C-alpha atoms as a PDB file:
ATOM      1  CA  MET A   1      -0.002  -0.001  -0.001  1.00  0.00           C
ATOM      2  CA  ARG A   2       1.319   3.432  -0.886  1.00  0.00           C
ATOM      3  CA  LYS A   3       2.135   5.460   2.186  1.00  0.00           C
ATOM      4  CA  ASN A   4       0.061   8.597   2.712  1.00  0.00           C
ATOM      5  CA  LEU A   5       2.635  11.354   3.187  1.00  0.00           C
ATOM      6  CA  CYS A   6       0.001  13.829   4.367  1.00  0.00           C
ATOM      7  CA  ASN A   7      -1.402  11.834   7.255  1.00  0.00           C
ATOM      8  CA  THR A   8       0.487  13.569  10.086  1.00  0.00           C
ATOM      9  CA  VAL A   9       1.409  17.058   8.840  1.00  0.00           C
ATOM     10  CA  ALA A  10      -0.654  19.525   6.853  1.00  0.00           C
ATOM     11  CA  CYS A  11       0.180  19.631   3.138  1.00  0.00           C
ATOM     12  CA  LEU A  12       0.468  22.812   1.110  1.00  0.00           C
ATOM     13  CA  ALA A  13       0.353  23.488  -2.624  1.00  0.00           C
ATOM     14  CA  LEU A  14       3.606  25.105  -3.768  1.00  0.00           C
ATOM     15  CA  VAL A  15       5.072  26.472  -6.977  1.00  0.00           C
ATOM     16  CA  LEU A  16       8.435  25.126  -8.117  1.00  0.00           C
ATOM     17  CA  PRO A  17      10.033  27.954 -10.122  1.00  0.00           C
ATOM     18  CA  GLY A  18      12.969  25.895 -11.353  1.00  0.00           C
ATOM     19  CA  PHE A  19      15.403  23.170 -10.426  1.00  0.00           C
ATOM     20  CA  ALA A  20      18.695  24.985 -11.079  1.00  0.00           C
ATOM     21  CA  ALA A  21      19.885  28.306  -9.739  1.00  0.00           C
ATOM     22  CA  ALA A  22      21.474  29.098 -13.085  1.00  0.00           C
ATOM     23  CA  GLN A  23      18.080  28.881 -14.832  1.00  0.00           C
ATOM     24  CA  PRO A  24      15.901  31.779 -13.614  1.00  0.00           C
ATOM     25  CA  ALA A  25      12.414  30.959 -12.415  1.00  0.00           C
ATOM     26  CA  ALA A  26      10.959  33.516 -14.805  1.00  0.00           C
ATOM     27  CA  ASP A  27      12.098  31.333 -17.720  1.00  0.00           C
ATOM     28  CA  ARG A  28      10.107  28.311 -16.603  1.00  0.00           C
ATOM     29  CA  ALA A  29       6.389  27.667 -16.297  1.00  0.00           C
ATOM     30  CA  PRO A  30       5.265  27.075 -12.705  1.00  0.00           C
ATOM     31  CA  GLU A  31       4.347  23.570 -11.612  1.00  0.00           C
ATOM     32  CA  TYR A  32       2.165  22.707  -8.644  1.00  0.00           C
ATOM     33  CA  TRP A  33       3.001  20.028  -6.063  1.00  0.00           C
ATOM     34  CA  TRP A  34       1.993  18.871  -2.624  1.00  0.00           C
ATOM     35  CA  VAL A  35       4.672  18.744   0.075  1.00  0.00           C
ATOM     36  CA  ASN A  36       4.754  18.256   3.834  1.00  0.00           C
ATOM     37  CA  LYS A  37       5.398  21.516   5.677  1.00  0.00           C
ATOM     38  CA  THR A  38       6.525  21.322   9.291  1.00  0.00           C
ATOM     39  CA  GLU A  39       6.597  24.403  11.496  1.00  0.00           C
ATOM     40  CA  GLY A  40       9.313  26.877  10.575  1.00  0.00           C
ATOM     41  CA  GLY A  41      11.284  29.245  12.733  1.00  0.00           C
ATOM     42  CA  ILE A  42      12.693  26.562  15.032  1.00  0.00           C
ATOM     43  CA  TYR A  43      16.225  27.621  16.018  1.00  0.00           C
ATOM     44  CA  LYS A  44      18.489  25.332  18.005  1.00  0.00           C
ATOM     45  CA  PRO A  45      21.672  26.918  19.449  1.00  0.00           C
ATOM     46  CA  PRO A  46      24.073  28.005  18.156  1.00  0.00           C
ATOM     47  CA  MET A  47      21.770  28.890  15.253  1.00  0.00           C
ATOM     48  CA  ARG A  48      19.832  32.130  15.438  1.00  0.00           C
ATOM     49  CA  PRO A  49      18.136  34.329  12.812  1.00  0.00           C
ATOM     50  CA  ILE A  50      21.042  36.760  12.785  1.00  0.00           C
ATOM     51  CA  TRP A  51      24.624  36.799  14.014  1.00  0.00           C
ATOM     52  CA  ARG A  52      25.769  40.416  13.992  1.00  0.00           C
ATOM     53  CA  LEU A  53      29.490  40.986  13.501  1.00  0.00           C
ATOM     54  CA  ALA A  54      29.361  43.971  15.859  1.00  0.00           C
ATOM     55  CA  ASP A  55      27.954  41.729  18.607  1.00  0.00           C
ATOM     56  CA  MET A  56      30.610  39.067  18.070  1.00  0.00           C
ATOM     57  CA  LYS A  57      33.326  41.689  18.359  1.00  0.00           C
ATOM     58  CA  LYS A  58      31.832  42.758  21.690  1.00  0.00           C
ATOM     59  CA  MET A  59      31.641  39.128  22.838  1.00  0.00           C
ATOM     60  CA  HIS A  60      35.364  38.757  22.128  1.00  0.00           C
ATOM     61  CA  ALA A  61      36.438  42.254  23.180  1.00  0.00           C
ATOM     62  CA  GLY A  62      40.170  42.485  23.850  1.00  0.00           C
ATOM     63  CA  GLN A  63      40.912  39.359  21.787  1.00  0.00           C
ATOM     64  CA  SER A  64      42.548  39.426  18.380  1.00  0.00           C
ATOM     65  CA  ASN A  65      42.323  35.663  17.897  1.00  0.00           C
ATOM     66  CA  TRP A  66      38.934  34.042  18.435  1.00  0.00           C
ATOM     67  CA  SER A  67      36.551  31.517  16.911  1.00  0.00           C
ATOM     68  CA  GLN A  68      32.758  31.579  17.308  1.00  0.00           C
ATOM     69  CA  GLN A  69      30.520  28.657  16.366  1.00  0.00           C
ATOM     70  CA  ILE A  70      27.613  30.137  14.400  1.00  0.00           C
ATOM     71  CA  ILE A  71      26.116  27.072  12.674  1.00  0.00           C
ATOM     72  CA  LEU A  72      26.011  23.417  13.643  1.00  0.00           C
ATOM     73  CA  ASP A  73      23.059  21.766  11.965  1.00  0.00           C
ATOM     74  CA  PRO A  74      22.569  18.420  10.208  1.00  0.00           C
ATOM     75  CA  GLU A  75      24.336  19.648   7.057  1.00  0.00           C
ATOM     76  CA  GLN A  76      26.966  22.205   8.026  1.00  0.00           C
ATOM     77  CA  ASP A  77      29.479  23.240  10.669  1.00  0.00           C
ATOM     78  CA  ALA A  78      30.484  26.910  10.382  1.00  0.00           C
ATOM     79  CA  THR A  79      32.642  29.143  12.545  1.00  0.00           C
ATOM     80  CA  TYR A  80      33.281  32.881  12.459  1.00  0.00           C
ATOM     81  CA  ASN A  81      36.969  33.607  13.054  1.00  0.00           C
ATOM     82  CA  SER A  82      39.422  36.398  13.768  1.00  0.00           C
ATOM     83  CA  ALA A  83      43.221  36.398  13.874  1.00  0.00           C
ATOM     84  CA  ALA A  84      45.985  38.966  14.109  1.00  0.00           C
ATOM     85  CA  PRO A  85      48.618  39.568  11.410  1.00  0.00           C
ATOM     86  CA  GLY A  86      51.409  37.018  11.665  1.00  0.00           C
ATOM     87  CA  THR A  87      49.143  34.237  12.937  1.00  0.00           C
ATOM     88  CA  ARG A  88      49.908  30.947  11.160  1.00  0.00           C
ATOM     89  CA  PHE A  89      47.743  27.879  10.772  1.00  0.00           C
ATOM     90  CA  GLY A  90      49.761  24.752   9.989  1.00  0.00           C
ATOM     91  CA  THR A  91      49.248  22.120   7.313  1.00  0.00           C
ATOM     92  CA  LYS A  92      46.217  19.830   7.540  1.00  0.00           C
ATOM     93  CA  LEU A  93      43.744  18.087   5.278  1.00  0.00           C
ATOM     94  CA  HIS A  94      40.175  16.895   5.454  1.00  0.00           C
ATOM     95  CA  PRO A  95      40.206  13.293   4.184  1.00  0.00           C
ATOM     96  CA  ASP A  96      36.579  13.029   3.072  1.00  0.00           C
ATOM     97  CA  THR A  97      35.142  16.539   2.789  1.00  0.00           C
ATOM     98  CA  PRO A  98      35.824  19.933   1.198  1.00  0.00           C
ATOM     99  CA  THR A  99      36.122  23.170   3.145  1.00  0.00           C
ATOM    100  CA  VAL A 100      35.323  26.749   2.186  1.00  0.00           C
ATOM    101  CA  PHE A 101      36.713  29.995   3.591  1.00  0.00           C
ATOM    102  CA  VAL A 102      34.848  33.285   3.095  1.00  0.00           C
ATOM    103  CA  VAL A 103      37.075  36.261   3.851  1.00  0.00           C
ATOM    104  CA  VAL A 104      35.148  39.137   5.428  1.00  0.00           C
ATOM    105  CA  ALA A 105      38.078  41.477   6.129  1.00  0.00           C
ATOM    106  CA  GLY A 106      41.866  41.575   6.147  1.00  0.00           C
ATOM    107  CA  GLU A 107      44.424  39.616   4.156  1.00  0.00           C
ATOM    108  CA  MET A 108      45.117  35.877   4.228  1.00  0.00           C
ATOM    109  CA  ASN A 109      47.744  33.800   2.409  1.00  0.00           C
ATOM    110  CA  PHE A 110      46.836  30.224   1.472  1.00  0.00           C
ATOM    111  CA  ASN A 111      49.160  27.439   0.431  1.00  0.00           C
ATOM    112  CA  VAL A 112      47.187  24.598  -1.158  1.00  0.00           C
ATOM    113  CA  GLU A 113      48.932  21.515  -2.538  1.00  0.00           C
ATOM    114  CA  GLY A 114      48.900  21.493  -6.325  1.00  0.00           C
ATOM    115  CA  GLN A 115      47.991  25.196  -6.572  1.00  0.00           C
ATOM    116  CA  GLN A 116      49.892  28.457  -6.812  1.00  0.00           C
ATOM    117  CA  PRO A 117      50.136  30.462  -3.549  1.00  0.00           C
ATOM    118  CA  LEU A 118      46.992  32.497  -3.060  1.00  0.00           C
ATOM    119  CA  LYS A 119      46.342  35.884  -1.455  1.00  0.00           C
ATOM    120  CA  ALA A 120      42.722  36.193  -0.289  1.00  0.00           C
ATOM    121  CA  THR A 121      41.093  39.474   0.705  1.00  0.00           C
ATOM    122  CA  ARG A 122      37.645  40.909   1.431  1.00  0.00           C
ATOM    123  CA  GLY A 123      35.126  39.148  -0.792  1.00  0.00           C
ATOM    124  CA  SER A 124      37.269  36.042  -1.414  1.00  0.00           C
ATOM    125  CA  ILE A 125      35.741  32.577  -1.503  1.00  0.00           C
ATOM    126  CA  VAL A 126      38.461  29.925  -1.104  1.00  0.00           C
ATOM    127  CA  ASN A 127      37.320  26.401  -1.970  1.00  0.00           C
ATOM    128  CA  ILE A 128      39.627  23.561  -0.914  1.00  0.00           C
ATOM    129  CA  MET A 129      38.876  20.069  -2.151  1.00  0.00           C
ATOM    130  CA  LYS A 130      38.924  16.980   0.061  1.00  0.00           C
ATOM    131  CA  THR A 131      42.222  15.078   0.544  1.00  0.00           C
ATOM    132  CA  THR A 132      44.123  18.304  -0.225  1.00  0.00           C
ATOM    133  CA  PRO A 133      46.752  19.530   2.291  1.00  0.00           C
ATOM    134  CA  PHE A 134      46.591  23.266   2.955  1.00  0.00           C
ATOM    135  CA  SER A 135      47.895  25.886   5.349  1.00  0.00           C
ATOM    136  CA  PHE A 136      47.262  29.601   5.736  1.00  0.00           C
ATOM    137  CA  ASP A 137      48.406  32.686   7.601  1.00  0.00           C
ATOM    138  CA  VAL A 138      47.201  36.210   8.267  1.00  0.00           C
ATOM    139  CA  ALA A 139      49.101  39.036   6.555  1.00  0.00           C
ATOM    140  CA  GLY A 140      48.657  42.786   6.204  1.00  0.00           C
ATOM    141  CA  ALA A 141      48.275  45.367   8.946  1.00  0.00           C
ATOM    142  CA  ASP A 142      44.847  44.469  10.359  1.00  0.00           C
ATOM    143  CA  ASN A 143      43.143  41.461  11.896  1.00  0.00           C
ATOM    144  CA  ALA A 144      41.574  39.094   9.397  1.00  0.00           C
ATOM    145  CA  LEU A 145      37.949  38.014   9.699  1.00  0.00           C
ATOM    146  CA  TRP A 146      36.631  34.929   7.941  1.00  0.00           C
ATOM    147  CA  VAL A 147      33.922  32.293   8.045  1.00  0.00           C
ATOM    148  CA  GLU A 148      35.032  28.657   7.692  1.00  0.00           C
ATOM    149  CA  VAL A 149      32.391  26.234   6.390  1.00  0.00           C
ATOM    150  CA  ASN A 150      32.592  22.443   6.622  1.00  0.00           C
ATOM    151  CA  PRO A 151      30.111  19.586   6.307  1.00  0.00           C
ATOM    152  CA  THR A 152      28.915  18.385   9.699  1.00  0.00           C
ATOM    153  CA  ASN A 153      31.054  15.672  11.291  1.00  0.00           C
ATOM    154  CA  TYR A 154      34.098  16.505   9.139  1.00  0.00           C
ATOM    155  CA  LYS A 155      37.470  15.118  10.215  1.00  0.00           C
ATOM    156  CA  THR A 156      40.987  16.555  10.049  1.00  0.00           C
ATOM    157  CA  ALA A 157      44.371  14.872   9.591  1.00  0.00           C
ATOM    158  CA  TYR A 158      47.745  16.460  10.358  1.00  0.00           C
ATOM    159  CA  PRO A 159      51.211  15.520   8.973  1.00  0.00           C
ATOM    160  CA  ALA A 160      52.971  13.121  11.351  1.00  0.00           C
ATOM    161  CA  ASP A 161      56.302  14.910  10.833  1.00  0.00           C
ATOM    162  CA  GLY A 162      54.860  17.784  12.849  1.00  0.00           C
ATOM    163  CA  PRO A 163      53.476  18.038  16.372  1.00  0.00           C
ATOM    164  CA  ALA A 164      50.459  15.933  17.277  1.00  0.00           C
ATOM    165  CA  PRO A 165      47.195  17.880  17.698  1.00  0.00           C
ATOM    166  CA  GLU A 166      45.338  18.022  20.970  1.00  0.00           C
ATOM    167  CA  ALA A 167      42.879  15.196  21.455  1.00  0.00           C
ATOM    168  CA  THR A 168      39.209  16.104  21.266  1.00  0.00           C
ATOM    169  CA  LYS A 169      36.816  15.165  24.044  1.00  0.00           C
ATOM    170  CA  GLY A 170      36.251  11.412  24.195  1.00  0.00           C
ATOM    171  CA  ALA A 171      39.025  10.611  21.693  1.00  0.00           C
ATOM    172  CA  LYS A 172      42.762  10.029  21.567  1.00  0.00           C
ATOM    173  CA  VAL A 173      45.324  10.949  18.934  1.00  0.00           C
ATOM    174  CA  VAL A 174      46.767   8.017  16.964  1.00  0.00           C
ATOM    175  CA  LYS A 175      49.208   7.779  14.062  1.00  0.00           C
ATOM    176  CA  VAL A 176      47.726   6.314  10.854  1.00  0.00           C
ATOM    177  CA  ALA A 177      48.947   5.690   7.315  1.00  0.00           C
ATOM    178  CA  PHE A 178      47.083   6.413   4.080  1.00  0.00           C
ATOM    179  CA  PRO A 179      47.939   7.841   0.640  1.00  0.00           C
ATOM    180  CA  HIS A 180      46.458  11.142  -0.461  1.00  0.00           C
ATOM    181  CA  GLN A 181      45.875  12.886  -3.774  1.00  0.00           C
ATOM    182  CA  PRO A 182      44.701  16.504  -4.029  1.00  0.00           C
ATOM    183  CA  GLY A 183      41.103  16.710  -5.148  1.00  0.00           C
ATOM    184  CA  SER A 184      40.373  18.017  -8.641  1.00  0.00           C
ATOM    185  CA  TYR A 185      38.049  20.878  -9.519  1.00  0.00           C
ATOM    186  CA  THR A 186      35.039  20.489 -11.787  1.00  0.00           C
ATOM    187  CA  ALA A 187      33.024  23.522 -12.888  1.00  0.00           C
ATOM    188  CA  PRO A 188      31.798  25.687 -11.329  1.00  0.00           C
ATOM    189  CA  ASN A 189      34.235  24.817  -8.527  1.00  0.00           C
ATOM    190  CA  LYS A 190      37.581  26.583  -8.457  1.00  0.00           C
ATOM    191  CA  LEU A 191      40.164  27.397  -5.800  1.00  0.00           C
ATOM    192  CA  HIS A 192      39.375  31.110  -5.585  1.00  0.00           C
ATOM    193  CA  TRP A 193      36.691  33.577  -6.627  1.00  0.00           C
ATOM    194  CA  ASN A 194      36.305  37.140  -5.356  1.00  0.00           C
ATOM    195  CA  THR A 195      32.849  38.694  -5.338  1.00  0.00           C
ATOM    196  CA  PHE A 196      34.208  42.203  -5.917  1.00  0.00           C
ATOM    197  CA  GLU A 197      37.047  41.527  -8.359  1.00  0.00           C
ATOM    198  CA  ASP A 198      35.639  38.581 -10.314  1.00  0.00           C
ATOM    199  CA  GLY A 199      31.945  39.209  -9.847  1.00  0.00           C
ATOM    200  CA  ILE A 200      30.881  42.851  -9.657  1.00  0.00           C
ATOM    201  CA  ALA A 201      33.858  44.414 -11.494  1.00  0.00           C
ATOM    202  CA  LYS A 202      33.706  41.932 -14.383  1.00  0.00           C
ATOM    203  CA  CYS A 203      29.904  41.746 -14.617  1.00  0.00           C
ATOM    204  CA  ALA A 204      30.080  38.000 -14.139  1.00  0.00           C
ATOM    205  CA  PRO A 205      26.887  36.066 -14.870  1.00  0.00           C
ATOM    206  CA  ARG A 206      24.952  35.054 -11.798  1.00  0.00           C
ATOM    207  CA  GLY A 207      25.313  31.526 -10.562  1.00  0.00           C
ATOM    208  CA  PRO A 208      26.865  29.385  -7.818  1.00  0.00           C
ATOM    209  CA  GLN A 209      30.624  29.349  -7.306  1.00  0.00           C
ATOM    210  CA  VAL A 210      30.732  26.202  -5.150  1.00  0.00           C
ATOM    211  CA  ILE A 211      28.676  23.052  -5.656  1.00  0.00           C
ATOM    212  CA  ASP A 212      30.310  20.260  -3.686  1.00  0.00           C
ATOM    213  CA  ASP A 213      29.533  17.593  -1.119  1.00  0.00           C
ATOM    214  CA  HIS A 214      27.297  19.347   1.423  1.00  0.00           C
ATOM    215  CA  ILE A 215      28.614  22.810   0.524  1.00  0.00           C
ATOM    216  CA  PHE A 216      26.800  25.188  -1.822  1.00  0.00           C
ATOM    217  CA  VAL A 217      27.860  28.842  -2.222  1.00  0.00           C
ATOM    218  CA  ASN A 218      26.080  31.352  -4.456  1.00  0.00           C
ATOM    219  CA  PRO A 219      26.745  35.145  -4.515  1.00  0.00           C
ATOM    220  CA  LEU A 220      23.442  36.976  -5.000  1.00  0.00           C
ATOM    221  CA  LEU A 221      23.783  40.556  -6.188  1.00  0.00           C
ATOM    222  CA  GLY A 222      20.981  43.101  -5.908  1.00  0.00           C
ATOM    223  CA  TYR A 223      20.488  46.818  -6.443  1.00  0.00           C
ATOM    224  CA  VAL A 224      17.719  48.952  -4.998  1.00  0.00           C
ATOM    225  CA  ASN A 225      18.494  51.587  -7.638  1.00  0.00           C
ATOM    226  CA  PRO A 226      18.801  49.951 -11.098  1.00  0.00           C
ATOM    227  CA  ALA A 227      20.897  52.904 -12.277  1.00  0.00           C
ATOM    228  CA  ASP A 228      23.682  51.684  -9.977  1.00  0.00           C
ATOM    229  CA  ASN A 229      23.963  48.473 -11.980  1.00  0.00           C
ATOM    230  CA  LYS A 230      26.939  49.299 -14.221  1.00  0.00           C
ATOM    231  CA  CYS A 231      26.594  46.026 -16.118  1.00  0.00           C
ATOM    232  CA  GLY A 232      23.926  47.690 -18.237  1.00  0.00           C
ATOM    233  CA  THR A 233      21.191  45.112 -17.789  1.00  0.00           C
ATOM    234  CA  GLY A 234      18.459  44.448 -15.300  1.00  0.00           C
ATOM    235  CA  SER A 235      19.442  40.836 -14.811  1.00  0.00           C
ATOM    236  CA  LEU A 236      21.171  41.525 -11.519  1.00  0.00           C
ATOM    237  CA  ASN A 237      18.398  43.635  -9.991  1.00  0.00           C
ATOM    238  CA  ILE A 238      17.218  40.641  -7.993  1.00  0.00           C
ATOM    239  CA  GLY A 239      15.584  40.446  -4.598  1.00  0.00           C
ATOM    240  CA  SER A 240      15.576  44.234  -4.401  1.00  0.00           C
ATOM    241  CA  GLY A 241      13.830  46.515  -1.929  1.00  0.00           C
ATOM    242  CA  PRO A 242      13.030  48.336   0.151  1.00  0.00           C
ATOM    243  CA  THR A 243       9.335  47.554   0.272  1.00  0.00           C
ATOM    244  CA  GLN A 244       6.709  49.186   2.402  1.00  0.00           C
ATOM    245  CA  ASP A 245       4.378  46.218   2.624  1.00  0.00           C
ATOM    246  CA  SER A 246       3.270  44.980   6.031  1.00  0.00           C
ATOM    247  CA  PHE A 247       4.802  41.805   7.378  1.00  0.00           C
ATOM    248  CA  ALA A 248       3.358  39.182   9.719  1.00  0.00           C
ATOM    249  CA  PRO A 249       5.923  36.534  10.799  1.00  0.00           C
ATOM    250  CA  ARG A 250       3.211  33.926  11.383  1.00  0.00           C
ATOM    251  CA  SER A 251       1.706  34.357   7.934  1.00  0.00           C
ATOM    252  CA  THR A 252       2.508  32.560   4.694  1.00  0.00           C
ATOM    253  CA  PHE A 253       4.985  34.492   2.527  1.00  0.00           C
ATOM    254  CA  GLY A 254       8.041  34.191   0.312  1.00  0.00           C
ATOM    255  CA  HIS A 255       9.357  30.692  -0.256  1.00  0.00           C
ATOM    256  CA  MET A 256      10.837  27.767   1.629  1.00  0.00           C
ATOM    257  CA  HIS A 257      13.124  24.819   0.964  1.00  0.00           C
ATOM    258  CA  PRO A 258      12.086  21.182   1.312  1.00  0.00           C
ATOM    259  CA  GLY A 259      14.267  20.373   4.315  1.00  0.00           C
ATOM    260  CA  PRO A 260      17.764  21.878   4.757  1.00  0.00           C
ATOM    261  CA  ALA A 261      18.431  25.354   6.095  1.00  0.00           C
ATOM    262  CA  GLU A 262      19.729  28.244   4.007  1.00  0.00           C
ATOM    263  CA  TRP A 263      21.936  31.003   5.341  1.00  0.00           C
ATOM    264  CA  TRP A 264      23.710  34.097   4.080  1.00  0.00           C
ATOM    265  CA  ILE A 265      26.854  36.152   4.702  1.00  0.00           C
ATOM    266  CA  VAL A 266      26.367  39.813   3.841  1.00  0.00           C
ATOM    267  CA  GLN A 267      29.393  40.726   1.723  1.00  0.00           C
ATOM    268  CA  VAL A 268      28.470  44.358   1.021  1.00  0.00           C
ATOM    269  CA  GLY A 269      25.515  46.700   1.402  1.00  0.00           C
ATOM    270  CA  GLN A 270      22.432  45.947   3.449  1.00  0.00           C
ATOM    271  CA  ILE A 271      20.137  42.917   3.405  1.00  0.00           C
ATOM    272  CA  ARG A 272      16.694  42.382   4.884  1.00  0.00           C
ATOM    273  CA  GLY A 273      15.596  38.925   5.935  1.00  0.00           C
ATOM    274  CA  ARG A 274      12.055  37.935   6.868  1.00  0.00           C
ATOM    275  CA  PHE A 275      11.745  34.563   8.592  1.00  0.00           C
ATOM    276  CA  GLU A 276       8.699  32.548   9.619  1.00  0.00           C
ATOM    277  CA  ASN A 277       7.836  32.869  13.324  1.00  0.00           C
ATOM    278  CA  ALA A 278      11.078  34.793  13.939  1.00  0.00           C
ATOM    279  CA  GLY A 279      10.531  38.255  12.500  1.00  0.00           C
ATOM    280  CA  GLU A 280      12.256  40.762  10.253  1.00  0.00           C
ATOM    281  CA  PHE A 281      16.017  41.384  10.473  1.00  0.00           C
ATOM    282  CA  HIS A 282      18.265  43.971   8.888  1.00  0.00           C
ATOM    283  CA  ALA A 283      21.879  43.008   8.295  1.00  0.00           C
ATOM    284  CA  VAL A 284      24.982  44.867   7.158  1.00  0.00           C
ATOM    285  CA  GLU A 285      28.370  43.790   5.822  1.00  0.00           C
ATOM    286  CA  GLY A 286      29.843  40.949   7.866  1.00  0.00           C
ATOM    287  CA  ASP A 287      26.551  39.859   9.444  1.00  0.00           C
ATOM    288  CA  VAL A 288      25.142  36.347   9.018  1.00  0.00           C
ATOM    289  CA  LEU A 289      21.441  35.553   8.471  1.00  0.00           C
ATOM    290  CA  TYR A 290      19.961  32.068   8.897  1.00  0.00           C
ATOM    291  CA  ALA A 291      16.579  30.663   7.826  1.00  0.00           C
ATOM    292  CA  ALA A 292      15.749  27.613   9.926  1.00  0.00           C
ATOM    293  CA  PRO A 293      14.716  24.445   8.048  1.00  0.00           C
ATOM    294  CA  MET A 294      11.268  24.465   6.404  1.00  0.00           C
ATOM    295  CA  SER A 295      10.776  28.164   7.181  1.00  0.00           C
ATOM    296  CA  TRP A 296       8.996  30.604   4.936  1.00  0.00           C
ATOM    297  CA  HIS A 297      11.470  33.363   4.238  1.00  0.00           C
ATOM    298  CA  GLU A 298      12.001  36.335   1.967  1.00  0.00           C
ATOM    299  CA  MET A 299      15.204  38.279   1.297  1.00  0.00           C
ATOM    300  CA  ALA A 300      15.803  41.739  -0.167  1.00  0.00           C
ATOM    301  CA  ALA A 301      18.581  44.183  -0.924  1.00  0.00           C
ATOM    302  CA  GLU A 302      18.217  47.378   1.135  1.00  0.00           C
ATOM    303  CA  ALA A 303      21.258  49.607   0.522  1.00  0.00           C
ATOM    304  CA  PRO A 304      19.853  52.836  -0.997  1.00  0.00           C
ATOM    305  CA  SER A 305      22.816  53.045  -3.364  1.00  0.00           C
ATOM    306  CA  GLY A 306      25.407  50.638  -4.698  1.00  0.00           C
ATOM    307  CA  PRO A 307      25.330  46.853  -4.621  1.00  0.00           C
ATOM    308  CA  SER A 308      24.043  44.590  -1.878  1.00  0.00           C
ATOM    309  CA  VAL A 309      25.461  41.062  -1.962  1.00  0.00           C
ATOM    310  CA  ARG A 310      24.225  38.202   0.156  1.00  0.00           C
ATOM    311  CA  LEU A 311      26.352  35.084  -0.193  1.00  0.00           C
ATOM    312  CA  ALA A 312      23.837  32.227  -0.051  1.00  0.00           C
ATOM    313  CA  LEU A 313      25.102  29.020   1.562  1.00  0.00           C
ATOM    314  CA  GLY A 314      23.696  25.636   2.401  1.00  0.00           C
ATOM    315  CA  GLY A 315      24.298  21.943   2.124  1.00  0.00           C
ATOM    316  CA  TYR A 316      22.690  21.690  -1.318  1.00  0.00           C
ATOM    317  CA  ASN A 317      21.639  23.633  -4.397  1.00  0.00           C
ATOM    318  CA  LEU A 318      18.207  24.281  -2.928  1.00  0.00           C
ATOM    319  CA  ILE A 319      14.888  24.422  -4.741  1.00  0.00           C
ATOM    320  CA  ASN A 320      12.864  27.575  -4.111  1.00  0.00           C
ATOM    321  CA  MET A 321       9.333  26.423  -3.295  1.00  0.00           C
ATOM    322  CA  GLN A 322       7.153  29.510  -3.668  1.00  0.00           C
ATOM    323  CA  ASN A 323       4.046  29.822  -1.542  1.00  0.00           C
ATOM    324  CA  THR A 324       0.642  29.997  -3.248  1.00  0.00           C
ATOM    325  CA  ASP A 325      -1.240  31.829  -0.468  1.00  0.00           C
ATOM    326  CA  ALA A 326       0.543  35.136  -1.059  1.00  0.00           C
ATOM    327  CA  PRO A 327       2.532  34.920  -4.294  1.00  0.00           C
ATOM    328  CA  ARG A 328       5.146  37.527  -5.091  1.00  0.00           C
ATOM    329  CA  ARG A 329       4.324  40.507  -7.232  1.00  0.00           C
ATOM    330  CA  GLN A 330       5.241  39.938 -10.865  1.00  0.00           C
ATOM    331  CA  ALA A 331       7.836  42.711 -10.699  1.00  0.00           C
ATOM    332  CA  GLN A 332       9.893  40.737  -8.205  1.00  0.00           C
ATOM    333  CA  ARG A 333      11.846  37.690  -9.337  1.00  0.00           C
ATOM    334  CA  PRO A 334      11.972  34.837  -6.816  1.00  0.00           C
ATOM    335  CA  GLN A 335      15.465  34.337  -5.481  1.00  0.00           C
ATOM    336  CA  GLN A 336      17.355  32.368  -2.860  1.00  0.00           C
END
């Protein structure tokens, strides 16, 4: 007998605008489906709707070097980090999983096996494949700030010709033997991409820059004022605002994803996030927004001039399931 998927949780009719971020929803006819919708807006620490960089700096006042856990959910493990110039992080590799660094401020040098030395600055996305040894250090005159993103339950190995790491709780450090080979990149993945230098300045087409095992990274560029878009087209005027419409957190609005959470690092400008049962939040450069799993949410650019970029992250290339109770106005293109 076929199982009735709607026997315990209410089902909603949703619009699927498209199955690939690179293919805009406006180019596809809507389709209607039923899907289970559990209650949104459920945040389990350390997750919260917004992590403000200013608050984290206050939490770690007087410290140049600190690490703050901001996400630890079924898909991803992310920390917000700071370190002073001259700080070095020795060679290591992740045997089974990739890792991504998003540089918020400062200057960082990366040495990645099989690649040329890399200098990463504000706006850099550094994508390191699994089984690839890497090390990095902080350069320049100011503290570096970055977000490190890993799949949940990732593991780390360190060269045995160096000092042994400290044992984690409930474990002990042992010496093992295995061969390694640096992971290879397949499009769109690449070692380095900078939102300002490679994206905005070069009018790069929109689309994800990382699609890997449990790590998805997509820079989303919006302009409140279309005249600020120097690329000469309207294609990047996505998710724009501000809007004066009323907002009720317990209503049906925006879109959701079928299970995993989505979150964003504000790379420049101002971003508004509306989240089911949580409220409306306004973020600036360096802040992190997080939509809990199965939550209705809606994002918008808010900077009155210039670009606003929200770097969308998650475990997968998520499908935007648009609500049918309060569909978007035709002038607004659905976006992650």
